[in-house]
Amino acid sequence: MFLSWPFFMSKLRSDDSAAVTNRTMEIVVSATLLVIGLVVAWDSWRLGARWAEDGPESGYFPFYVGMIIAVSGGTILWQALRGMTPNGRGTFVERGQLRLVLSVLVPAIVYVIAIQAFGIYLASAVYIAGFMAWLGHYSWLKSVTLGVATSAAVFMLFEVWFQVSLFKGSLYNPLAVFGY
């Protein structure tokens, strides 16, 4: 099977070339911090970042926090671009490790999108069953049974006992048949 756990484990062992270097990640993270710091400082200045007669204006402290973040991010970015950071040439993540992380991250993103379309109960049942079968190598019968049982237990807990309505989905609500 192409997308199975042993496939990823074998790739982890055999594919140890660098997917991303430390220098690349330092550049990305420091540039992100620089932008965040500048946005915070700019918006704080817009709110008022001066000292008024009655004390600091509402943006005074956030402005300086944003400036500290921006200066720190800019300094690290400058060092990373010039190759002055220690261990900048080292490997941040290997291809096999990145593949393992993405094998969990991508389905989680799809799960969050599925919650918006189909609601938390149906999306959770499919997500649990899929992970049990795909990564856990459980039988499909056991996976689907436990996925549905878990969603049913959460439904009973929230909808029936606590009487707290969770999101049912905007595209399709499978519980509409039961009046929920």
C-alpha atoms as a PDB file:
ATOM      1  CA  MET A   1       0.000   0.000   0.000  1.00  0.00           C
ATOM      2  CA  PHE A   2       1.426   3.380  -1.024  1.00  0.00           C
ATOM      3  CA  LEU A   3       0.200   5.423   1.943  1.00  0.00           C
ATOM      4  CA  SER A   4       0.881   3.103   4.825  1.00  0.00           C
ATOM      5  CA  TRP A   5       2.850   3.512   8.016  1.00  0.00           C
ATOM      6  CA  PRO A   6       5.589   1.001   7.023  1.00  0.00           C
ATOM      7  CA  PHE A   7       6.016   2.965   3.772  1.00  0.00           C
ATOM      8  CA  PHE A   8       6.669   6.143   5.753  1.00  0.00           C
ATOM      9  CA  MET A   9       8.937   4.373   8.223  1.00  0.00           C
ATOM     10  CA  SER A  10      11.021   2.879   5.418  1.00  0.00           C
ATOM     11  CA  LYS A  11      11.260   6.299   3.790  1.00  0.00           C
ATOM     12  CA  LEU A  12      12.318   7.782   7.119  1.00  0.00           C
ATOM     13  CA  ARG A  13      15.226   5.376   7.289  1.00  0.00           C
ATOM     14  CA  SER A  14      16.234   5.585   3.638  1.00  0.00           C
ATOM     15  CA  ASP A  15      15.538   9.245   2.851  1.00  0.00           C
ATOM     16  CA  ASP A  16      17.659  11.239   5.264  1.00  0.00           C
ATOM     17  CA  SER A  17      18.465  14.115   2.931  1.00  0.00           C
ATOM     18  CA  ALA A  18      17.596  17.588   4.133  1.00  0.00           C
ATOM     19  CA  ALA A  19      14.152  18.848   3.199  1.00  0.00           C
ATOM     20  CA  VAL A  20      14.716  22.201   4.920  1.00  0.00           C
ATOM     21  CA  THR A  21      17.909  23.660   6.360  1.00  0.00           C
ATOM     22  CA  ASN A  22      18.202  25.570   9.618  1.00  0.00           C
ATOM     23  CA  ARG A  23      19.150  28.715   7.692  1.00  0.00           C
ATOM     24  CA  THR A  24      15.958  28.596   5.632  1.00  0.00           C
ATOM     25  CA  MET A  25      13.804  28.229   8.737  1.00  0.00           C
ATOM     26  CA  GLU A  26      15.686  31.034  10.491  1.00  0.00           C
ATOM     27  CA  ILE A  27      14.983  33.306   7.533  1.00  0.00           C
ATOM     28  CA  VAL A  28      11.289  32.367   7.385  1.00  0.00           C
ATOM     29  CA  VAL A  29      10.674  32.678  11.130  1.00  0.00           C
ATOM     30  CA  SER A  30      12.662  35.904  11.553  1.00  0.00           C
ATOM     31  CA  ALA A  31      10.946  37.516   8.545  1.00  0.00           C
ATOM     32  CA  THR A  32       7.581  36.497  10.000  1.00  0.00           C
ATOM     33  CA  LEU A  33       8.514  37.994  13.375  1.00  0.00           C
ATOM     34  CA  LEU A  34       9.710  41.173  11.679  1.00  0.00           C
ATOM     35  CA  VAL A  35       6.391  41.569   9.854  1.00  0.00           C
ATOM     36  CA  ILE A  36       4.349  40.784  12.988  1.00  0.00           C
ATOM     37  CA  GLY A  37       6.369  43.279  15.033  1.00  0.00           C
ATOM     38  CA  LEU A  38       5.951  45.994  12.402  1.00  0.00           C
ATOM     39  CA  VAL A  39       2.190  45.377  12.155  1.00  0.00           C
ATOM     40  CA  VAL A  40       1.825  45.568  15.955  1.00  0.00           C
ATOM     41  CA  ALA A  41       3.932  48.748  16.115  1.00  0.00           C
ATOM     42  CA  TRP A  42       2.066  50.360  13.200  1.00  0.00           C
ATOM     43  CA  ASP A  43      -1.367  49.609  14.627  1.00  0.00           C
ATOM     44  CA  SER A  44      -0.307  50.693  18.109  1.00  0.00           C
ATOM     45  CA  TRP A  45       0.986  53.985  16.698  1.00  0.00           C
ATOM     46  CA  ARG A  46      -2.391  54.424  14.971  1.00  0.00           C
ATOM     47  CA  LEU A  47      -4.143  53.946  18.333  1.00  0.00           C
ATOM     48  CA  GLY A  48      -1.789  56.346  20.047  1.00  0.00           C
ATOM     49  CA  ALA A  49       1.626  55.363  21.311  1.00  0.00           C
ATOM     50  CA  ARG A  50       2.639  58.571  23.039  1.00  0.00           C
ATOM     51  CA  TRP A  51       2.645  59.723  26.590  1.00  0.00           C
ATOM     52  CA  ALA A  52      -0.388  61.900  27.252  1.00  0.00           C
ATOM     53  CA  GLU A  53      -1.019  64.293  30.120  1.00  0.00           C
ATOM     54  CA  ASP A  54      -2.884  61.618  32.039  1.00  0.00           C
ATOM     55  CA  GLY A  55      -0.427  58.786  31.281  1.00  0.00           C
ATOM     56  CA  PRO A  56       0.312  56.422  28.414  1.00  0.00           C
ATOM     57  CA  GLU A  57      -2.084  56.215  25.488  1.00  0.00           C
ATOM     58  CA  SER A  58      -3.665  52.865  24.629  1.00  0.00           C
ATOM     59  CA  GLY A  59      -0.973  51.858  22.132  1.00  0.00           C
ATOM     60  CA  TYR A  60       2.045  52.927  24.183  1.00  0.00           C
ATOM     61  CA  PHE A  61       3.160  49.576  25.582  1.00  0.00           C
ATOM     62  CA  PRO A  62       2.109  47.447  22.571  1.00  0.00           C
ATOM     63  CA  PHE A  63       4.093  49.822  20.339  1.00  0.00           C
ATOM     64  CA  TYR A  64       7.323  49.163  22.215  1.00  0.00           C
ATOM     65  CA  VAL A  65       6.651  45.419  22.401  1.00  0.00           C
ATOM     66  CA  GLY A  66       6.085  45.431  18.639  1.00  0.00           C
ATOM     67  CA  MET A  67       9.306  47.389  18.116  1.00  0.00           C
ATOM     68  CA  ILE A  68      11.273  44.924  20.256  1.00  0.00           C
ATOM     69  CA  ILE A  69       9.844  42.016  18.237  1.00  0.00           C
ATOM     70  CA  ALA A  70      10.571  43.808  14.947  1.00  0.00           C
ATOM     71  CA  VAL A  71      14.154  44.691  15.898  1.00  0.00           C
ATOM     72  CA  SER A  72      14.809  41.153  17.142  1.00  0.00           C
ATOM     73  CA  GLY A  73      13.318  39.623  13.998  1.00  0.00           C
ATOM     74  CA  GLY A  74      15.253  42.037  11.786  1.00  0.00           C
ATOM     75  CA  THR A  75      18.529  41.286  13.566  1.00  0.00           C
ATOM     76  CA  ILE A  76      18.082  37.542  13.255  1.00  0.00           C
ATOM     77  CA  LEU A  77      17.026  37.937   9.606  1.00  0.00           C
ATOM     78  CA  TRP A  78      20.154  39.987   8.861  1.00  0.00           C
ATOM     79  CA  GLN A  79      22.369  37.404  10.565  1.00  0.00           C
ATOM     80  CA  ALA A  80      20.666  34.512   8.773  1.00  0.00           C
ATOM     81  CA  LEU A  81      20.944  36.184   5.372  1.00  0.00           C
ATOM     82  CA  ARG A  82      24.648  36.828   5.918  1.00  0.00           C
ATOM     83  CA  GLY A  83      25.269  33.280   7.160  1.00  0.00           C
ATOM     84  CA  MET A  84      26.336  34.431  10.606  1.00  0.00           C
ATOM     85  CA  THR A  85      24.107  32.093  12.613  1.00  0.00           C
ATOM     86  CA  PRO A  86      25.557  29.034  14.309  1.00  0.00           C
ATOM     87  CA  ASN A  87      24.485  25.725  12.788  1.00  0.00           C
ATOM     88  CA  GLY A  88      22.843  27.545   9.882  1.00  0.00           C
ATOM     89  CA  ARG A  89      23.925  24.854   7.439  1.00  0.00           C
ATOM     90  CA  GLY A  90      22.515  22.053   9.577  1.00  0.00           C
ATOM     91  CA  THR A  91      19.402  20.108   8.753  1.00  0.00           C
ATOM     92  CA  PHE A  92      16.149  21.380  10.227  1.00  0.00           C
ATOM     93  CA  VAL A  93      14.077  18.440   9.020  1.00  0.00           C
ATOM     94  CA  GLU A  94      14.819  15.455   6.820  1.00  0.00           C
ATOM     95  CA  ARG A  95      12.532  14.418   3.987  1.00  0.00           C
ATOM     96  CA  GLY A  96      11.365  11.250   5.732  1.00  0.00           C
ATOM     97  CA  GLN A  97      10.579  13.121   8.938  1.00  0.00           C
ATOM     98  CA  LEU A  98       8.723  15.807   7.015  1.00  0.00           C
ATOM     99  CA  ARG A  99       6.704  13.121   5.251  1.00  0.00           C
ATOM    100  CA  LEU A 100       5.707  11.667   8.642  1.00  0.00           C
ATOM    101  CA  VAL A 101       4.652  15.047   9.975  1.00  0.00           C
ATOM    102  CA  LEU A 102       2.644  15.785   6.833  1.00  0.00           C
ATOM    103  CA  SER A 103       0.970  12.361   7.067  1.00  0.00           C
ATOM    104  CA  VAL A 104      -0.663  13.626  10.262  1.00  0.00           C
ATOM    105  CA  LEU A 105      -0.933  17.346   9.475  1.00  0.00           C
ATOM    106  CA  VAL A 106      -2.699  17.082   6.106  1.00  0.00           C
ATOM    107  CA  PRO A 107      -5.511  14.812   7.391  1.00  0.00           C
ATOM    108  CA  ALA A 108      -5.932  17.144  10.383  1.00  0.00           C
ATOM    109  CA  ILE A 109      -6.408  20.095   8.025  1.00  0.00           C
ATOM    110  CA  VAL A 110      -8.907  18.098   5.982  1.00  0.00           C
ATOM    111  CA  TYR A 111     -10.696  17.200   9.243  1.00  0.00           C
ATOM    112  CA  VAL A 112     -11.062  20.856  10.206  1.00  0.00           C
ATOM    113  CA  ILE A 113     -12.480  21.662   6.766  1.00  0.00           C
ATOM    114  CA  ALA A 114     -14.803  18.648   6.976  1.00  0.00           C
ATOM    115  CA  ILE A 115     -16.146  19.911  10.313  1.00  0.00           C
ATOM    116  CA  GLN A 116     -17.274  23.088   8.563  1.00  0.00           C
ATOM    117  CA  ALA A 117     -19.048  21.135   5.833  1.00  0.00           C
ATOM    118  CA  PHE A 118     -20.435  18.067   7.636  1.00  0.00           C
ATOM    119  CA  GLY A 119     -20.350  18.915  11.339  1.00  0.00           C
ATOM    120  CA  ILE A 120     -18.204  17.661  14.146  1.00  0.00           C
ATOM    121  CA  TYR A 121     -19.884  14.282  14.636  1.00  0.00           C
ATOM    122  CA  LEU A 122     -19.622  12.923  11.097  1.00  0.00           C
ATOM    123  CA  ALA A 123     -16.176  14.440  10.503  1.00  0.00           C
ATOM    124  CA  SER A 124     -14.874  13.006  13.786  1.00  0.00           C
ATOM    125  CA  ALA A 125     -16.213   9.529  13.055  1.00  0.00           C
ATOM    126  CA  VAL A 126     -14.504   9.488   9.653  1.00  0.00           C
ATOM    127  CA  TYR A 127     -11.287  10.998  11.051  1.00  0.00           C
ATOM    128  CA  ILE A 128     -11.021   8.490  13.906  1.00  0.00           C
ATOM    129  CA  ALA A 129     -11.861   5.518  11.689  1.00  0.00           C
ATOM    130  CA  GLY A 130      -9.445   6.657   8.988  1.00  0.00           C
ATOM    131  CA  PHE A 131      -6.550   7.108  11.371  1.00  0.00           C
ATOM    132  CA  MET A 132      -7.170   3.815  13.103  1.00  0.00           C
ATOM    133  CA  ALA A 133      -7.209   1.942   9.802  1.00  0.00           C
ATOM    134  CA  TRP A 134      -4.431   3.890   8.067  1.00  0.00           C
ATOM    135  CA  LEU A 135      -1.843   4.532  10.767  1.00  0.00           C
ATOM    136  CA  GLY A 136      -2.915   2.009  13.384  1.00  0.00           C
ATOM    137  CA  HIS A 137      -3.494  -0.871  10.950  1.00  0.00           C
ATOM    138  CA  TYR A 138      -6.730  -1.870  12.673  1.00  0.00           C
ATOM    139  CA  SER A 139      -9.384  -3.635  10.633  1.00  0.00           C
ATOM    140  CA  TRP A 140     -11.927  -1.433   8.899  1.00  0.00           C
ATOM    141  CA  LEU A 141     -14.734  -3.012  10.911  1.00  0.00           C
ATOM    142  CA  LYS A 142     -13.081  -2.181  14.234  1.00  0.00           C
ATOM    143  CA  SER A 143     -12.056   1.284  13.017  1.00  0.00           C
ATOM    144  CA  VAL A 144     -15.519   2.250  11.785  1.00  0.00           C
ATOM    145  CA  THR A 145     -17.178   0.778  14.867  1.00  0.00           C
ATOM    146  CA  LEU A 146     -14.964   2.748  17.257  1.00  0.00           C
ATOM    147  CA  GLY A 147     -15.188   5.924  15.166  1.00  0.00           C
ATOM    148  CA  VAL A 148     -18.979   5.830  15.175  1.00  0.00           C
ATOM    149  CA  ALA A 149     -19.121   4.794  18.856  1.00  0.00           C
ATOM    150  CA  THR A 150     -16.851   7.668  19.873  1.00  0.00           C
ATOM    151  CA  SER A 151     -18.914  10.196  17.919  1.00  0.00           C
ATOM    152  CA  ALA A 152     -22.127   8.738  19.370  1.00  0.00           C
ATOM    153  CA  ALA A 153     -20.724   8.995  22.898  1.00  0.00           C
ATOM    154  CA  VAL A 154     -19.701  12.626  22.344  1.00  0.00           C
ATOM    155  CA  PHE A 155     -23.141  13.322  20.861  1.00  0.00           C
ATOM    156  CA  MET A 156     -24.869  11.803  23.893  1.00  0.00           C
ATOM    157  CA  LEU A 157     -22.598  13.715  26.266  1.00  0.00           C
ATOM    158  CA  PHE A 158     -23.062  17.138  24.724  1.00  0.00           C
ATOM    159  CA  GLU A 159     -26.418  17.125  22.937  1.00  0.00           C
ATOM    160  CA  VAL A 160     -28.449  14.960  25.305  1.00  0.00           C
ATOM    161  CA  TRP A 161     -26.922  15.220  28.764  1.00  0.00           C
ATOM    162  CA  PHE A 162     -25.333  18.695  28.786  1.00  0.00           C
ATOM    163  CA  GLN A 163     -27.800  20.064  26.208  1.00  0.00           C
ATOM    164  CA  VAL A 164     -25.006  21.947  24.453  1.00  0.00           C
ATOM    165  CA  SER A 165     -25.366  21.986  20.706  1.00  0.00           C
ATOM    166  CA  LEU A 166     -22.156  21.445  18.753  1.00  0.00           C
ATOM    167  CA  PHE A 167     -21.725  22.465  15.124  1.00  0.00           C
ATOM    168  CA  LYS A 168     -23.738  20.272  12.768  1.00  0.00           C
ATOM    169  CA  GLY A 169     -22.318  21.377   9.415  1.00  0.00           C
ATOM    170  CA  SER A 170     -23.240  23.911   6.794  1.00  0.00           C
ATOM    171  CA  LEU A 171     -23.278  21.645   3.734  1.00  0.00           C
ATOM    172  CA  TYR A 172     -24.914  18.522   5.111  1.00  0.00           C
ATOM    173  CA  ASN A 173     -26.329  17.723   8.534  1.00  0.00           C
ATOM    174  CA  PRO A 174     -26.724  13.945   8.948  1.00  0.00           C
ATOM    175  CA  LEU A 175     -28.492  14.467  12.293  1.00  0.00           C
ATOM    176  CA  ALA A 176     -31.376  16.430  10.717  1.00  0.00           C
ATOM    177  CA  VAL A 177     -33.148  13.097  10.257  1.00  0.00           C
ATOM    178  CA  PHE A 178     -33.354  12.813  14.053  1.00  0.00           C
ATOM    179  CA  GLY A 179     -34.407  16.431  14.589  1.00  0.00           C
ATOM    180  CA  TYR A 180     -31.014  17.784  15.674  1.00  0.00           C
END
